[in-house]
Each structure stands twice: as structure tokens, then as C-alpha cells.
Amino acid sequence: MPHPTDSRPIVLLTDFGHIDAFVGILKGVILSIHPKARMVDLCHEVAPQDIGHGAHLLDISLEYFPKGSIFCAVVDPGVGSSRRAVLVETTDYFLVGPDNGVLWPAAGRNRIRRIIHLTRSRYFLPQVSTTFHGRDIFGPVAAHLSAGIDPGAFGPQVSCLTPFAFPEPKPIAGGMILTVRHIDTFGNIGLNLTREQFRQFADKGFCMRVNQVDITGHYHSYAAAPEKIPFVMTDSAGFMEIAVKNGDAASRLHVKKNDPVVLTARGEKNDDGGL
């Protein structure tokens, strides 16, 4: 990709949080290698060791960054194991991180050009730990890449990347069983249902049941919805969510990630097994 190296921001996504020094150390390593590096904090509050959460955030964010951006994604419960460290070059971006599925949805969305197995230790820190590859491998590689090193210099090209699949809606008579895919900081309940998949229900009337609560309201904005009553709307990434205006839907409905939600056409018998 013919992008001047100084125009390639390094976008950081981790489960490090902000209580410890991990994020600051990662940035310090990057700046030590490439002092002119520009860094963007996408998120450091991925649920600990939650590959699916990290994959979701990376997937919905990629397209909003300039072409040539370098994403350093470190959600790495297998750190120190035999899992590979990789650099993925897509049509428009570079993704650096563990080959555990966290890169897969975003990489596939932007079309993979090549996958590099990170093996050239000259681009790592001199001492590589078994617990902090963000500092020792991924941060340094992102920094060297931003400074102009060709992706092929970091190791051999490989043919595959570890996949990650979000749960798909499960068809039932007259509807679907959905899965809670994500709960955001406001308590909005993100579902594994796209706007297009929901349209057939929205046009004819629907009932969405979670924890014995039936939800039948559909609004196009938070402002349009009534207070205190759970409703359904499309989130900013094009997926359906359950929300409560000026409230916390997840707390109100006692919902957690991966819980089931039953969607049926209004008037259909809801054989949900007591959900």
C-alpha cells in the first residue's frame, strides 16, 4: 500500500484496563522504536481474556480509520503457548496480534492479502516474556511497521488464520433464538441480529422475550422511546439491541453476555422453554 509511513496511525485494542501500567508500557515501547508514531486508543476495557468481545470491537471499528492504519489487538489468553503471533495485511489495513480468532472477523471483512507469521526476533524486544507479548512482540512489530519496515520482513507468509465465528440466530417455529453478543457501558443489550434480519419481523409485528419479559416496541432513536420500558432499536453498527431510555437494560432485565433471547412474529406461539 503506497502510504507514507508517518500517516499510519497505530490503533490499540487490549484487555489491559487502566489500573495497571500495561497500556503505558506498551506505548512507551512503541515510541522508543518509532518516536514519531501516532497512537489511537480504540479500547483497553475489553473483558479480560474475552476473544469474542475484542473481535467484535475490532470488527465494528475498522472501517472508520484511515487506510493504512495499523491495528495492534492484544486479547491473548493463550500468551506463552504455541499459538502464533501474526501480522495480517488486508486490502486497506494491517492487523497485528495473536492468532486466536480476535483478528478474524475484521480481517475477513476487509479481504486478506497476506498473513505473516511473526518469527524474526530482531523486531521484538531483546527479552521476550511468556506473559506480555503486547510489550515484547506486538507493540514492537507495530512500531517497526509504522516506521516503514516491509511486512514480509517479519517472518514467513502462511496460508491460514484462526477463525472466530459469532453465534448465528437459531431458527425455531415462527421465529429465532438469538444470543446476547455484547453489553455496552450504558447497559444496552447487543444481539446477534442485523437490521436486515430483523426487518421481516418489524414489518409484521414482533415479540422479543428475555427472562420472561416480552418486548414489542421498536424505535429509531432513544429519544423517541418512552421512559422505563425496554424496546428494540438498531445500534450504530447495524445490529439490533435492547435498550431502556435513560436506563440500563441489562440490569433491568438481569441479562448477561451469551444469554438467549427469543424473537417471534407477533401472534406466534412462543415455545421458548421458559426463557
C-alpha atoms as a PDB file:
ATOM      1  CA  MET A   1       0.000   0.000   0.000  1.00  0.00           C
ATOM      2  CA  PRO A   2       1.542   3.300  -1.049  1.00  0.00           C
ATOM      3  CA  HIS A   3       1.012   5.212   2.175  1.00  0.00           C
ATOM      4  CA  PRO A   4       3.719   7.418   3.718  1.00  0.00           C
ATOM      5  CA  THR A   5       4.725   5.705   6.939  1.00  0.00           C
ATOM      6  CA  ASP A   6       4.090   8.786   9.079  1.00  0.00           C
ATOM      7  CA  SER A   7       0.432   8.671   8.017  1.00  0.00           C
ATOM      8  CA  ARG A   8      -0.101   5.190   9.515  1.00  0.00           C
ATOM      9  CA  PRO A   9      -1.596   5.534  12.992  1.00  0.00           C
ATOM     10  CA  ILE A  10      -1.236   2.623  15.390  1.00  0.00           C
ATOM     11  CA  VAL A  11      -4.634   1.742  16.845  1.00  0.00           C
ATOM     12  CA  LEU A  12      -4.502  -0.063  20.191  1.00  0.00           C
ATOM     13  CA  LEU A  13      -7.121  -2.558  21.380  1.00  0.00           C
ATOM     14  CA  THR A  14      -6.432  -4.533  24.564  1.00  0.00           C
ATOM     15  CA  ASP A  15      -7.963  -6.063  27.674  1.00  0.00           C
ATOM     16  CA  PHE A  16      -5.299  -4.425  29.860  1.00  0.00           C
ATOM     17  CA  GLY A  17      -7.582  -1.912  31.608  1.00  0.00           C
ATOM     18  CA  HIS A  18      -6.221   1.274  33.146  1.00  0.00           C
ATOM     19  CA  ILE A  19      -5.442   0.251  36.728  1.00  0.00           C
ATOM     20  CA  ASP A  20      -2.050  -1.249  35.908  1.00  0.00           C
ATOM     21  CA  ALA A  21       0.830   0.151  33.834  1.00  0.00           C
ATOM     22  CA  PHE A  22       0.420  -2.226  30.877  1.00  0.00           C
ATOM     23  CA  VAL A  23      -1.034   0.326  28.452  1.00  0.00           C
ATOM     24  CA  GLY A  24       1.576   2.940  29.281  1.00  0.00           C
ATOM     25  CA  ILE A  25       4.411   0.437  28.892  1.00  0.00           C
ATOM     26  CA  LEU A  26       3.067  -0.692  25.523  1.00  0.00           C
ATOM     27  CA  LYS A  27       3.020   2.905  24.304  1.00  0.00           C
ATOM     28  CA  GLY A  28       6.486   3.547  25.699  1.00  0.00           C
ATOM     29  CA  VAL A  29       7.907   0.603  23.745  1.00  0.00           C
ATOM     30  CA  ILE A  30       6.279   1.830  20.533  1.00  0.00           C
ATOM     31  CA  LEU A  31       7.647   5.347  20.996  1.00  0.00           C
ATOM     32  CA  SER A  32      11.116   4.032  21.818  1.00  0.00           C
ATOM     33  CA  ILE A  33      11.201   2.299  18.440  1.00  0.00           C
ATOM     34  CA  HIS A  34       9.340   4.939  16.422  1.00  0.00           C
ATOM     35  CA  PRO A  35       9.283   8.324  18.210  1.00  0.00           C
ATOM     36  CA  LYS A  36       7.012   9.856  15.567  1.00  0.00           C
ATOM     37  CA  ALA A  37       4.371   7.155  15.918  1.00  0.00           C
ATOM     38  CA  ARG A  38       0.800   8.353  16.278  1.00  0.00           C
ATOM     39  CA  MET A  39      -1.320   6.176  18.532  1.00  0.00           C
ATOM     40  CA  VAL A  40      -5.070   5.934  18.991  1.00  0.00           C
ATOM     41  CA  ASP A  41      -6.657   4.159  21.955  1.00  0.00           C
ATOM     42  CA  LEU A  42      -9.579   2.246  20.499  1.00  0.00           C
ATOM     43  CA  CYS A  43     -10.362   0.456  23.767  1.00  0.00           C
ATOM     44  CA  HIS A  44      -8.446  -1.012  26.706  1.00  0.00           C
ATOM     45  CA  GLU A  45     -11.524  -2.293  28.537  1.00  0.00           C
ATOM     46  CA  VAL A  46     -12.171  -5.467  26.567  1.00  0.00           C
ATOM     47  CA  ALA A  47     -13.490  -8.025  29.040  1.00  0.00           C
ATOM     48  CA  PRO A  48     -10.436  -9.947  30.317  1.00  0.00           C
ATOM     49  CA  GLN A  49      -9.448 -12.838  28.029  1.00  0.00           C
ATOM     50  CA  ASP A  50     -12.677 -12.362  26.038  1.00  0.00           C
ATOM     51  CA  ILE A  51     -11.650 -13.017  22.435  1.00  0.00           C
ATOM     52  CA  GLY A  52     -15.210 -12.558  21.184  1.00  0.00           C
ATOM     53  CA  HIS A  53     -15.542  -9.124  22.780  1.00  0.00           C
ATOM     54  CA  GLY A  54     -12.243  -7.989  21.288  1.00  0.00           C
ATOM     55  CA  ALA A  55     -13.141  -9.412  17.871  1.00  0.00           C
ATOM     56  CA  HIS A  56     -16.489  -7.607  17.964  1.00  0.00           C
ATOM     57  CA  LEU A  57     -14.983  -4.216  18.820  1.00  0.00           C
ATOM     58  CA  LEU A  58     -12.268  -4.546  16.185  1.00  0.00           C
ATOM     59  CA  ASP A  59     -14.750  -5.693  13.563  1.00  0.00           C
ATOM     60  CA  ILE A  60     -17.176  -2.776  14.007  1.00  0.00           C
ATOM     61  CA  SER A  61     -14.402  -0.153  14.212  1.00  0.00           C
ATOM     62  CA  LEU A  62     -12.043  -0.960  11.342  1.00  0.00           C
ATOM     63  CA  GLU A  63     -13.776   0.939   8.534  1.00  0.00           C
ATOM     64  CA  TYR A  64     -13.762   4.259  10.404  1.00  0.00           C
ATOM     65  CA  PHE A  65      -9.966   4.581  10.374  1.00  0.00           C
ATOM     66  CA  PRO A  66      -7.741   5.891   7.583  1.00  0.00           C
ATOM     67  CA  LYS A  67      -6.454   3.406   5.048  1.00  0.00           C
ATOM     68  CA  GLY A  68      -3.037   2.131   6.062  1.00  0.00           C
ATOM     69  CA  SER A  69      -3.833   2.165   9.792  1.00  0.00           C
ATOM     70  CA  ILE A  70      -2.093  -0.470  11.918  1.00  0.00           C
ATOM     71  CA  PHE A  71      -4.306  -2.219  14.470  1.00  0.00           C
ATOM     72  CA  CYS A  72      -2.451  -3.751  17.411  1.00  0.00           C
ATOM     73  CA  ALA A  73      -5.003  -6.027  19.077  1.00  0.00           C
ATOM     74  CA  VAL A  74      -3.904  -7.774  22.257  1.00  0.00           C
ATOM     75  CA  VAL A  75      -6.557 -10.018  23.786  1.00  0.00           C
ATOM     76  CA  ASP A  76      -4.372 -13.008  24.418  1.00  0.00           C
ATOM     77  CA  PRO A  77      -5.440 -15.693  26.918  1.00  0.00           C
ATOM     78  CA  GLY A  78      -3.002 -18.096  25.215  1.00  0.00           C
ATOM     79  CA  VAL A  79       0.070 -15.907  25.716  1.00  0.00           C
ATOM     80  CA  GLY A  80       3.161 -18.077  26.230  1.00  0.00           C
ATOM     81  CA  SER A  81       1.602 -21.065  24.460  1.00  0.00           C
ATOM     82  CA  SER A  82       2.139 -22.394  20.934  1.00  0.00           C
ATOM     83  CA  ARG A  83      -0.420 -20.008  19.407  1.00  0.00           C
ATOM     84  CA  ARG A  84       1.123 -17.980  16.601  1.00  0.00           C
ATOM     85  CA  ALA A  85       1.853 -14.263  16.562  1.00  0.00           C
ATOM     86  CA  VAL A  86       0.754 -12.806  13.228  1.00  0.00           C
ATOM     87  CA  LEU A  87       0.592  -9.740  11.024  1.00  0.00           C
ATOM     88  CA  VAL A  88      -2.360  -9.668   8.631  1.00  0.00           C
ATOM     89  CA  GLU A  89      -2.287  -7.326   5.662  1.00  0.00           C
ATOM     90  CA  THR A  90      -5.760  -6.643   4.275  1.00  0.00           C
ATOM     91  CA  THR A  91      -6.854  -4.512   1.345  1.00  0.00           C
ATOM     92  CA  ASP A  92      -6.736  -1.340   3.448  1.00  0.00           C
ATOM     93  CA  TYR A  93      -5.233  -2.126   6.857  1.00  0.00           C
ATOM     94  CA  PHE A  94      -2.658  -4.032   8.900  1.00  0.00           C
ATOM     95  CA  LEU A  95      -3.662  -6.166  11.906  1.00  0.00           C
ATOM     96  CA  VAL A  96      -1.071  -7.282  14.457  1.00  0.00           C
ATOM     97  CA  GLY A  97      -1.865  -9.687  17.279  1.00  0.00           C
ATOM     98  CA  PRO A  98      -2.275 -13.274  18.445  1.00  0.00           C
ATOM     99  CA  ASP A  99      -3.672 -15.822  16.012  1.00  0.00           C
ATOM    100  CA  ASN A 100      -6.529 -16.839  18.283  1.00  0.00           C
ATOM    101  CA  GLY A 101      -9.556 -15.529  16.391  1.00  0.00           C
ATOM    102  CA  VAL A 102      -9.527 -11.931  17.610  1.00  0.00           C
ATOM    103  CA  LEU A 103      -8.364 -10.686  14.189  1.00  0.00           C
ATOM    104  CA  TRP A 104     -10.537 -12.972  12.078  1.00  0.00           C
ATOM    105  CA  PRO A 105     -13.857 -11.069  11.616  1.00  0.00           C
ATOM    106  CA  ALA A 106     -12.176  -7.739  10.852  1.00  0.00           C
ATOM    107  CA  ALA A 107      -9.613  -9.326   8.546  1.00  0.00           C
ATOM    108  CA  GLY A 108     -12.281 -11.178   6.614  1.00  0.00           C
ATOM    109  CA  ARG A 109     -14.448  -8.088   6.266  1.00  0.00           C
ATOM    110  CA  ASN A 110     -11.602  -6.149   4.613  1.00  0.00           C
ATOM    111  CA  ARG A 111     -10.262  -9.019   2.483  1.00  0.00           C
ATOM    112  CA  ILE A 112      -6.983 -10.655   3.454  1.00  0.00           C
ATOM    113  CA  ARG A 113      -4.000 -10.090   1.150  1.00  0.00           C
ATOM    114  CA  ARG A 114      -1.356 -11.973   3.123  1.00  0.00           C
ATOM    115  CA  ILE A 115      -0.693 -13.387   6.591  1.00  0.00           C
ATOM    116  CA  ILE A 116       2.773 -13.184   8.111  1.00  0.00           C
ATOM    117  CA  HIS A 117       3.890 -15.434  10.956  1.00  0.00           C
ATOM    118  CA  LEU A 118       5.946 -13.195  13.267  1.00  0.00           C
ATOM    119  CA  THR A 119       9.186 -15.101  13.757  1.00  0.00           C
ATOM    120  CA  ARG A 120      12.015 -12.594  13.142  1.00  0.00           C
ATOM    121  CA  SER A 121      13.096 -11.847  16.691  1.00  0.00           C
ATOM    122  CA  ARG A 122      15.266  -8.892  15.615  1.00  0.00           C
ATOM    123  CA  TYR A 123      11.981  -6.926  15.528  1.00  0.00           C
ATOM    124  CA  PHE A 124      10.985  -7.979  19.067  1.00  0.00           C
ATOM    125  CA  LEU A 125      12.313  -6.734  22.384  1.00  0.00           C
ATOM    126  CA  PRO A 126      15.595  -8.474  23.309  1.00  0.00           C
ATOM    127  CA  GLN A 127      13.937 -10.429  26.128  1.00  0.00           C
ATOM    128  CA  VAL A 128      10.539 -11.944  25.308  1.00  0.00           C
ATOM    129  CA  SER A 129       8.460 -12.913  28.331  1.00  0.00           C
ATOM    130  CA  THR A 130       5.790 -15.597  28.468  1.00  0.00           C
ATOM    131  CA  THR A 131       3.194 -13.184  29.843  1.00  0.00           C
ATOM    132  CA  PHE A 132       3.392  -9.846  27.974  1.00  0.00           C
ATOM    133  CA  HIS A 133       3.658 -10.302  24.212  1.00  0.00           C
ATOM    134  CA  GLY A 134       1.898  -6.981  23.722  1.00  0.00           C
ATOM    135  CA  ARG A 135       5.025  -5.302  25.069  1.00  0.00           C
ATOM    136  CA  ASP A 136       7.601  -7.742  23.719  1.00  0.00           C
ATOM    137  CA  ILE A 137       6.291  -8.695  20.249  1.00  0.00           C
ATOM    138  CA  PHE A 138       3.104  -6.994  19.034  1.00  0.00           C
ATOM    139  CA  GLY A 139       3.939  -3.429  20.075  1.00  0.00           C
ATOM    140  CA  PRO A 140       7.463  -3.580  18.608  1.00  0.00           C
ATOM    141  CA  VAL A 141       6.233  -5.084  15.337  1.00  0.00           C
ATOM    142  CA  ALA A 142       3.536  -2.405  15.021  1.00  0.00           C
ATOM    143  CA  ALA A 143       6.154   0.275  15.672  1.00  0.00           C
ATOM    144  CA  HIS A 144       8.615  -1.110  13.102  1.00  0.00           C
ATOM    145  CA  LEU A 145       5.798  -1.453  10.574  1.00  0.00           C
ATOM    146  CA  SER A 146       4.762   2.149  11.172  1.00  0.00           C
ATOM    147  CA  ALA A 147       8.392   3.193  10.708  1.00  0.00           C
ATOM    148  CA  GLY A 148       8.454   1.680   7.240  1.00  0.00           C
ATOM    149  CA  ILE A 149       9.593  -1.944   7.573  1.00  0.00           C
ATOM    150  CA  ASP A 150       8.010  -4.136   4.879  1.00  0.00           C
ATOM    151  CA  PRO A 151       5.520  -6.692   6.248  1.00  0.00           C
ATOM    152  CA  GLY A 152       7.444  -9.538   4.642  1.00  0.00           C
ATOM    153  CA  ALA A 153      10.488  -8.764   6.790  1.00  0.00           C
ATOM    154  CA  PHE A 154       8.779 -10.011   9.967  1.00  0.00           C
ATOM    155  CA  GLY A 155       8.591 -13.682   9.017  1.00  0.00           C
ATOM    156  CA  PRO A 156       7.286 -16.226   6.540  1.00  0.00           C
ATOM    157  CA  GLN A 157       3.947 -15.987   4.846  1.00  0.00           C
ATOM    158  CA  VAL A 158       1.329 -18.524   5.942  1.00  0.00           C
ATOM    159  CA  SER A 159      -1.914 -19.563   4.331  1.00  0.00           C
ATOM    160  CA  CYS A 160      -4.452 -19.552   7.150  1.00  0.00           C
ATOM    161  CA  LEU A 161      -5.700 -17.592  10.127  1.00  0.00           C
ATOM    162  CA  THR A 162      -7.535 -18.998  13.146  1.00  0.00           C
ATOM    163  CA  PRO A 163     -11.250 -18.346  12.577  1.00  0.00           C
ATOM    164  CA  PHE A 164     -13.761 -16.975  15.029  1.00  0.00           C
ATOM    165  CA  ALA A 165     -17.497 -17.263  14.480  1.00  0.00           C
ATOM    166  CA  PHE A 166     -20.103 -15.243  16.345  1.00  0.00           C
ATOM    167  CA  PRO A 167     -23.227 -17.287  17.148  1.00  0.00           C
ATOM    168  CA  GLU A 168     -25.859 -17.160  14.402  1.00  0.00           C
ATOM    169  CA  PRO A 169     -29.596 -16.836  15.120  1.00  0.00           C
ATOM    170  CA  LYS A 170     -31.143 -20.285  15.544  1.00  0.00           C
ATOM    171  CA  PRO A 171     -34.397 -20.779  13.595  1.00  0.00           C
ATOM    172  CA  ILE A 172     -37.443 -22.017  15.518  1.00  0.00           C
ATOM    173  CA  ALA A 173     -41.103 -22.262  14.521  1.00  0.00           C
ATOM    174  CA  GLY A 174     -42.247 -18.724  13.780  1.00  0.00           C
ATOM    175  CA  GLY A 175     -39.039 -17.039  14.856  1.00  0.00           C
ATOM    176  CA  MET A 176     -35.451 -17.298  16.082  1.00  0.00           C
ATOM    177  CA  ILE A 177     -33.424 -17.830  19.236  1.00  0.00           C
ATOM    178  CA  LEU A 178     -30.888 -15.019  19.463  1.00  0.00           C
ATOM    179  CA  THR A 179     -27.786 -14.588  21.607  1.00  0.00           C
ATOM    180  CA  VAL A 180     -26.648 -11.562  23.597  1.00  0.00           C
ATOM    181  CA  ARG A 181     -23.475 -10.635  21.761  1.00  0.00           C
ATOM    182  CA  HIS A 182     -22.374  -7.579  23.712  1.00  0.00           C
ATOM    183  CA  ILE A 183     -23.431  -5.313  26.579  1.00  0.00           C
ATOM    184  CA  ASP A 184     -22.094  -1.779  26.290  1.00  0.00           C
ATOM    185  CA  THR A 185     -21.180   0.668  29.032  1.00  0.00           C
ATOM    186  CA  PHE A 186     -24.740   2.071  29.036  1.00  0.00           C
ATOM    187  CA  GLY A 187     -26.283  -1.353  29.574  1.00  0.00           C
ATOM    188  CA  ASN A 188     -27.655  -1.642  26.048  1.00  0.00           C
ATOM    189  CA  ILE A 189     -28.004  -5.308  25.069  1.00  0.00           C
ATOM    190  CA  GLY A 190     -26.422  -6.038  21.689  1.00  0.00           C
ATOM    191  CA  LEU A 191     -27.872  -9.007  19.798  1.00  0.00           C
ATOM    192  CA  ASN A 192     -26.539 -11.253  17.040  1.00  0.00           C
ATOM    193  CA  LEU A 193     -29.261  -9.978  14.709  1.00  0.00           C
ATOM    194  CA  THR A 194     -28.735  -7.496  11.895  1.00  0.00           C
ATOM    195  CA  ARG A 195     -31.146  -4.785  10.858  1.00  0.00           C
ATOM    196  CA  GLU A 196     -31.852  -6.702   7.643  1.00  0.00           C
ATOM    197  CA  GLN A 197     -32.629  -9.934   9.525  1.00  0.00           C
ATOM    198  CA  PHE A 198     -34.984  -8.078  11.868  1.00  0.00           C
ATOM    199  CA  ARG A 199     -36.887  -6.291   9.109  1.00  0.00           C
ATOM    200  CA  GLN A 200     -39.179  -9.243   8.357  1.00  0.00           C
ATOM    201  CA  PHE A 201     -40.362  -9.167  11.980  1.00  0.00           C
ATOM    202  CA  ALA A 202     -40.529  -5.385  12.296  1.00  0.00           C
ATOM    203  CA  ASP A 203     -42.793  -5.086   9.265  1.00  0.00           C
ATOM    204  CA  LYS A 204     -45.357  -7.582  10.597  1.00  0.00           C
ATOM    205  CA  GLY A 205     -45.092  -7.066  14.341  1.00  0.00           C
ATOM    206  CA  PHE A 206     -42.856  -8.980  16.731  1.00  0.00           C
ATOM    207  CA  CYS A 207     -42.327 -10.127  20.288  1.00  0.00           C
ATOM    208  CA  MET A 208     -38.859 -10.394  21.803  1.00  0.00           C
ATOM    209  CA  ARG A 209     -38.745 -12.348  25.062  1.00  0.00           C
ATOM    210  CA  VAL A 210     -35.891 -12.302  27.562  1.00  0.00           C
ATOM    211  CA  ASN A 211     -36.123 -13.586  31.123  1.00  0.00           C
ATOM    212  CA  GLN A 212     -39.939 -13.804  30.959  1.00  0.00           C
ATOM    213  CA  VAL A 213     -40.237 -10.178  29.779  1.00  0.00           C
ATOM    214  CA  ASP A 214     -41.923  -9.515  26.426  1.00  0.00           C
ATOM    215  CA  ILE A 215     -40.661  -6.589  24.354  1.00  0.00           C
ATOM    216  CA  THR A 216     -42.771  -5.345  21.450  1.00  0.00           C
ATOM    217  CA  GLY A 217     -41.676  -1.738  20.970  1.00  0.00           C
ATOM    218  CA  HIS A 218     -39.391  -0.720  18.101  1.00  0.00           C
ATOM    219  CA  TYR A 219     -37.993   2.811  17.874  1.00  0.00           C
ATOM    220  CA  HIS A 220     -35.464   4.508  15.629  1.00  0.00           C
ATOM    221  CA  SER A 221     -33.818   6.560  18.386  1.00  0.00           C
ATOM    222  CA  TYR A 222     -33.504   6.612  22.168  1.00  0.00           C
ATOM    223  CA  ALA A 223     -35.265   9.985  22.275  1.00  0.00           C
ATOM    224  CA  ALA A 224     -38.374   8.617  20.566  1.00  0.00           C
ATOM    225  CA  ALA A 225     -38.865   5.791  23.061  1.00  0.00           C
ATOM    226  CA  PRO A 226     -40.934   6.033  26.265  1.00  0.00           C
ATOM    227  CA  GLU A 227     -39.168   6.091  29.614  1.00  0.00           C
ATOM    228  CA  LYS A 228     -38.542   2.900  31.636  1.00  0.00           C
ATOM    229  CA  ILE A 229     -39.919   0.467  29.043  1.00  0.00           C
ATOM    230  CA  PRO A 230     -37.476  -1.865  27.247  1.00  0.00           C
ATOM    231  CA  PHE A 231     -37.568  -1.510  23.470  1.00  0.00           C
ATOM    232  CA  VAL A 232     -35.667  -2.614  20.375  1.00  0.00           C
ATOM    233  CA  MET A 233     -33.632  -0.394  18.053  1.00  0.00           C
ATOM    234  CA  THR A 234     -30.720  -0.559  15.611  1.00  0.00           C
ATOM    235  CA  ASP A 235     -27.319   0.263  17.076  1.00  0.00           C
ATOM    236  CA  SER A 236     -24.618   2.303  15.338  1.00  0.00           C
ATOM    237  CA  ALA A 237     -23.034  -0.829  13.829  1.00  0.00           C
ATOM    238  CA  GLY A 238     -26.239  -2.084  12.194  1.00  0.00           C
ATOM    239  CA  PHE A 239     -27.158  -4.738  14.782  1.00  0.00           C
ATOM    240  CA  MET A 240     -30.312  -4.849  16.863  1.00  0.00           C
ATOM    241  CA  GLU A 241     -30.158  -4.009  20.545  1.00  0.00           C
ATOM    242  CA  ILE A 242     -32.493  -3.923  23.510  1.00  0.00           C
ATOM    243  CA  ALA A 243     -32.397  -0.601  25.349  1.00  0.00           C
ATOM    244  CA  VAL A 244     -34.135   1.385  28.065  1.00  0.00           C
ATOM    245  CA  LYS A 245     -34.321   5.140  27.565  1.00  0.00           C
ATOM    246  CA  ASN A 246     -32.084   6.840  30.145  1.00  0.00           C
ATOM    247  CA  GLY A 247     -31.649   3.472  31.842  1.00  0.00           C
ATOM    248  CA  ASP A 248     -29.662   0.255  31.937  1.00  0.00           C
ATOM    249  CA  ALA A 249     -31.436  -2.504  30.018  1.00  0.00           C
ATOM    250  CA  ALA A 250     -29.032  -5.257  31.062  1.00  0.00           C
ATOM    251  CA  SER A 251     -29.524  -4.532  34.770  1.00  0.00           C
ATOM    252  CA  ARG A 252     -33.254  -4.021  34.371  1.00  0.00           C
ATOM    253  CA  LEU A 253     -33.691  -7.367  32.607  1.00  0.00           C
ATOM    254  CA  HIS A 254     -30.963  -9.265  34.521  1.00  0.00           C
ATOM    255  CA  VAL A 255     -29.207 -10.107  31.264  1.00  0.00           C
ATOM    256  CA  LYS A 256     -25.580 -11.085  30.734  1.00  0.00           C
ATOM    257  CA  LYS A 257     -23.486 -11.847  27.672  1.00  0.00           C
ATOM    258  CA  ASN A 258     -24.396 -15.069  25.811  1.00  0.00           C
ATOM    259  CA  ASP A 259     -27.890 -15.226  27.305  1.00  0.00           C
ATOM    260  CA  PRO A 260     -30.635 -16.394  24.896  1.00  0.00           C
ATOM    261  CA  VAL A 261     -33.370 -14.096  23.587  1.00  0.00           C
ATOM    262  CA  VAL A 262     -36.412 -15.421  21.709  1.00  0.00           C
ATOM    263  CA  LEU A 263     -37.774 -13.455  18.752  1.00  0.00           C
ATOM    264  CA  THR A 264     -41.144 -14.413  17.255  1.00  0.00           C
ATOM    265  CA  ALA A 265     -43.683 -12.873  14.941  1.00  0.00           C
ATOM    266  CA  ARG A 266     -46.476 -11.354  16.999  1.00  0.00           C
ATOM    267  CA  GLY A 267     -49.240 -13.868  17.489  1.00  0.00           C
ATOM    268  CA  GLU A 268     -46.961 -16.899  17.104  1.00  0.00           C
ATOM    269  CA  LYS A 269     -46.847 -19.346  19.991  1.00  0.00           C
ATOM    270  CA  ASN A 270     -43.660 -18.665  21.924  1.00  0.00           C
ATOM    271  CA  ASP A 271     -42.230 -22.114  22.695  1.00  0.00           C
ATOM    272  CA  ASP A 272     -39.128 -20.790  24.393  1.00  0.00           C
ATOM    273  CA  GLY A 273     -38.552 -23.391  27.073  1.00  0.00           C
ATOM    274  CA  GLY A 274     -39.244 -20.862  29.823  1.00  0.00           C
ATOM    275  CA  LEU A 275     -36.704 -18.259  28.733  1.00  0.00           C
END
